[in-house]
Amino acid sequence: MKRFDCLKLLAPLVDQHMLTVTSLSSNTAFWSDLRREGANFFGCNMGLCIPFALGLTVAFPKRKVIALDSDGSLMVDTSSLITVADVNPPNFVAIIMDNGSYARMGSTFTTRKTDLEKIAQGAGIANTATVRSEEALSGAVERALKASGPHFIVAKVEPDRVRVKGDPHRTYGRFMRECFVDAVRCHPDYPQTRK
């Protein structure tokens, strides 16, 4: 499977009130092109995508929060999965794009013995899957979006063959953060008045 095709498949399943967080990877460039509207927080540094998304699940318990992480990023802080299991948020969906490589810097441990799904299971997350086809991914995501979670899905994808840039003005820095906050403020369960 190709990462872009997986994210393209996911985009129409994500409604306007779901919140998404991406890791600092091709996920950011692709997702910013595929989902131009809604509450998107792009480009979390390695190891921060899952924890940031988990915080959003607590802040917005009625909204699905989707973490679009990558294998290299998650392996920086797999202990975050223990916290996910402990908090047990019903609205949390993690989709890990596992391409077995750190961009162009070499392979990750998932090309050898490391199994991210087993790590999530060991942390205590009950709803897990590893998928190797678009059909399997679609089914796993649809189940996760309809059911109570947390859900952890590993999508085995090919390494990206080209460097993906995206629009840095839209996906990083102050402008991105302001767009995210503006989108969050439009959510029906965001408190409109503060005393």
Protein backbone atom coordinates (compact mmCIF):
# COMPACT_ATOMS: atom_id res chain seq x y z
CA MET A 1 0.00 0.00 0.00
CA LYS A 2 1.03 3.57 -0.54
CA ARG A 3 0.71 6.10 2.28
CA PHE A 4 -1.04 8.68 0.10
CA ASP A 5 -3.64 6.15 -1.04
CA CYS A 6 -4.33 5.18 2.57
CA LEU A 7 -4.79 8.78 3.65
CA LYS A 8 -6.92 9.49 0.58
CA LEU A 9 -9.14 6.58 1.60
CA LEU A 10 -9.35 7.95 5.14
CA ALA A 11 -10.18 11.57 4.26
CA PRO A 12 -13.88 11.10 3.34
CA LEU A 13 -14.43 9.04 6.51
CA VAL A 14 -13.36 11.96 8.73
CA ASP A 15 -16.17 14.41 9.36
CA GLN A 16 -15.88 18.12 10.09
CA HIS A 17 -16.06 17.68 13.86
CA MET A 18 -13.30 15.09 14.20
CA LEU A 19 -9.89 16.37 15.26
CA THR A 20 -6.71 15.10 13.61
CA VAL A 21 -3.06 15.26 14.61
CA THR A 22 -0.16 14.27 12.33
CA SER A 23 3.41 13.33 13.04
CA LEU A 24 6.35 15.11 11.47
CA SER A 25 6.42 12.90 8.37
CA SER A 26 4.84 12.61 4.94
CA ASN A 27 1.56 12.35 6.86
CA THR A 28 1.63 16.13 7.30
CA ALA A 29 2.09 17.05 3.62
CA PHE A 30 -0.40 14.49 2.34
CA TRP A 31 -3.07 15.11 5.00
CA SER A 32 -2.85 18.89 4.58
CA ASP A 33 -3.72 18.45 0.90
CA LEU A 34 -6.46 15.89 1.53
CA ARG A 35 -8.21 17.55 4.48
CA ARG A 36 -8.07 21.28 4.05
CA GLU A 37 -10.91 22.02 6.48
CA GLY A 38 -11.48 21.05 10.08
CA ALA A 39 -9.33 20.93 13.19
CA ASN A 40 -5.96 19.63 11.99
CA PHE A 41 -2.78 19.94 14.03
CA PHE A 42 0.11 19.20 11.68
CA GLY A 43 3.69 18.08 12.18
CA CYS A 44 4.07 17.04 15.82
CA ASN A 45 7.71 16.30 16.54
CA MET A 46 8.77 12.68 16.85
CA GLY A 47 7.16 10.99 19.81
CA LEU A 48 4.53 13.70 20.38
CA CYS A 49 1.66 12.80 18.02
CA ILE A 50 0.01 10.20 20.29
CA PRO A 51 0.37 12.25 23.53
CA PHE A 52 -0.98 15.42 21.88
CA ALA A 53 -3.96 13.54 20.40
CA LEU A 54 -4.60 11.89 23.77
CA GLY A 55 -4.85 15.32 25.40
CA LEU A 56 -7.43 16.33 22.81
CA THR A 57 -9.54 13.26 23.63
CA VAL A 58 -9.84 14.50 27.20
CA ALA A 59 -10.59 18.08 26.15
CA PHE A 60 -13.21 16.96 23.58
CA PRO A 61 -14.69 13.70 24.89
CA LYS A 62 -17.62 13.78 22.43
CA ARG A 63 -15.41 14.04 19.34
CA LYS A 64 -13.28 11.40 17.67
CA VAL A 65 -9.60 12.30 17.72
CA ILE A 66 -7.39 10.69 15.10
CA ALA A 67 -3.63 10.47 15.52
CA LEU A 68 -1.88 9.94 12.18
CA ASP A 69 1.50 8.80 13.43
CA SER A 70 4.40 6.98 11.80
CA ASP A 71 6.55 4.07 12.93
CA GLY A 72 9.70 6.10 13.53
CA SER A 73 7.84 8.77 15.47
CA LEU A 74 5.95 6.32 17.67
CA MET A 75 9.09 4.36 18.52
CA VAL A 76 10.57 7.49 20.10
CA ASP A 77 7.92 7.22 22.84
CA THR A 78 6.07 3.89 22.88
CA SER A 79 5.44 4.51 26.59
CA SER A 80 2.68 6.91 25.50
CA LEU A 81 0.64 3.80 24.65
CA ILE A 82 0.63 2.86 28.35
CA THR A 83 -1.00 6.21 29.10
CA VAL A 84 -3.53 5.72 26.30
CA ALA A 85 -4.49 2.34 27.79
CA ASP A 86 -4.68 3.81 31.29
CA VAL A 87 -6.84 6.80 30.27
CA ASN A 88 -8.86 4.46 28.00
CA PRO A 89 -10.46 7.24 25.93
CA PRO A 90 -13.46 5.97 23.95
CA ASN A 91 -12.87 8.60 21.24
CA PHE A 92 -9.22 7.86 20.40
CA VAL A 93 -8.09 6.35 17.07
CA ALA A 94 -4.39 5.97 16.27
CA ILE A 95 -3.39 5.07 12.73
CA ILE A 96 0.30 4.35 12.38
CA MET A 97 1.80 4.53 8.89
CA ASP A 98 4.55 1.92 9.14
CA ASN A 99 6.84 2.18 6.14
CA GLY A 100 9.82 0.63 7.92
CA SER A 101 12.06 3.65 7.40
CA TYR A 102 13.17 6.95 8.88
CA ALA A 103 12.62 8.95 5.68
CA ARG A 104 15.92 8.47 3.85
CA MET A 105 18.02 7.78 6.94
CA GLY A 106 17.62 4.01 7.11
CA SER A 107 15.23 1.34 8.27
CA THR A 108 13.25 1.26 11.50
CA PHE A 109 13.08 -1.75 13.81
CA THR A 110 9.72 -2.73 12.30
CA THR A 111 11.66 -4.17 9.36
CA ARG A 112 13.22 -6.63 11.79
CA LYS A 113 11.53 -7.92 14.97
CA THR A 114 9.51 -5.00 16.32
CA ASP A 115 5.72 -5.39 16.11
CA LEU A 116 3.90 -2.15 16.93
CA GLU A 117 0.53 -3.85 17.31
CA LYS A 118 1.95 -6.23 19.94
CA ILE A 119 3.49 -3.27 21.78
CA ALA A 120 0.04 -1.60 21.88
CA GLN A 121 -1.55 -4.83 23.09
CA GLY A 122 1.12 -5.20 25.76
CA ALA A 123 0.42 -1.65 26.89
CA GLY A 124 -3.22 -2.65 27.42
CA ILE A 125 -4.99 -1.40 24.30
CA ALA A 126 -7.62 -4.00 23.42
CA ASN A 127 -8.73 -2.83 19.96
CA THR A 128 -5.75 -3.27 17.65
CA ALA A 129 -5.12 -4.29 14.06
CA THR A 130 -2.32 -4.53 11.53
CA VAL A 131 -3.51 -4.07 7.94
CA ARG A 132 -1.79 -4.66 4.62
CA SER A 133 -4.49 -3.71 2.12
CA GLU A 134 -6.68 -0.70 1.50
CA GLU A 135 -9.79 -2.84 2.00
CA ALA A 136 -8.56 -4.01 5.41
CA LEU A 137 -7.64 -0.45 6.38
CA SER A 138 -11.04 0.86 5.34
CA GLY A 139 -12.79 -1.80 7.41
CA ALA A 140 -10.60 -1.22 10.47
CA VAL A 141 -11.06 2.56 10.33
CA GLU A 142 -14.82 2.35 9.82
CA ARG A 143 -15.11 0.05 12.85
CA ALA A 144 -12.92 2.35 14.93
CA LEU A 145 -14.94 5.44 14.02
CA LYS A 146 -18.25 3.76 14.90
CA ALA A 147 -17.21 1.95 18.08
CA SER A 148 -15.90 2.98 21.45
CA GLY A 149 -12.12 2.92 21.72
CA PRO A 150 -9.28 3.41 22.05
CA HIS A 151 -8.29 1.89 18.69
CA PHE A 152 -4.78 1.31 17.38
CA ILE A 153 -4.27 0.49 13.69
CA VAL A 154 -0.93 -0.19 12.02
CA ALA A 155 -1.00 0.32 8.24
CA LYS A 156 1.92 -1.38 6.53
CA VAL A 157 2.84 1.00 3.70
CA GLU A 158 5.65 1.26 1.19
CA PRO A 159 8.47 3.74 1.81
CA ASP A 160 7.73 7.06 0.11
CA ARG A 161 9.76 7.25 -3.10
CA VAL A 162 9.77 11.03 -3.42
CA ARG A 163 10.33 13.77 -0.91
CA VAL A 164 6.99 15.32 -0.05
CA LYS A 165 7.08 18.99 0.86
CA GLY A 166 3.58 20.36 1.29
CA ASP A 167 2.92 24.00 2.14
CA PRO A 168 5.08 24.89 5.17
CA HIS A 169 3.11 28.12 5.73
CA ARG A 170 -0.06 26.07 6.21
CA THR A 171 1.37 23.09 8.08
CA TYR A 172 3.90 24.55 10.52
CA GLY A 173 4.36 27.49 12.81
CA ARG A 174 2.08 30.15 14.14
CA PHE A 175 -0.35 30.25 11.19
CA MET A 176 -1.04 26.49 11.47
CA ARG A 177 -1.58 26.75 15.22
CA GLU A 178 -3.96 29.70 14.79
CA CYS A 179 -5.95 27.80 12.14
CA PHE A 180 -6.19 24.83 14.49
CA VAL A 181 -7.39 26.95 17.41
CA ASP A 182 -9.92 28.74 15.18
CA ALA A 183 -11.29 25.38 13.99
CA VAL A 184 -11.47 24.05 17.55
CA ARG A 185 -13.40 27.14 18.65
CA CYS A 186 -16.06 26.31 16.01
CA HIS A 187 -16.74 22.90 17.55
CA PRO A 188 -20.23 22.56 19.03
CA ASP A 189 -18.87 21.47 22.43
CA TYR A 190 -16.28 24.23 22.76
CA PRO A 191 -17.39 26.53 25.60
CA GLN A 192 -18.27 29.81 23.89
CA THR A 193 -18.36 31.92 27.03
CA ARG A 194 -15.90 31.93 29.88
CA LYS A 195 -16.56 33.53 33.26
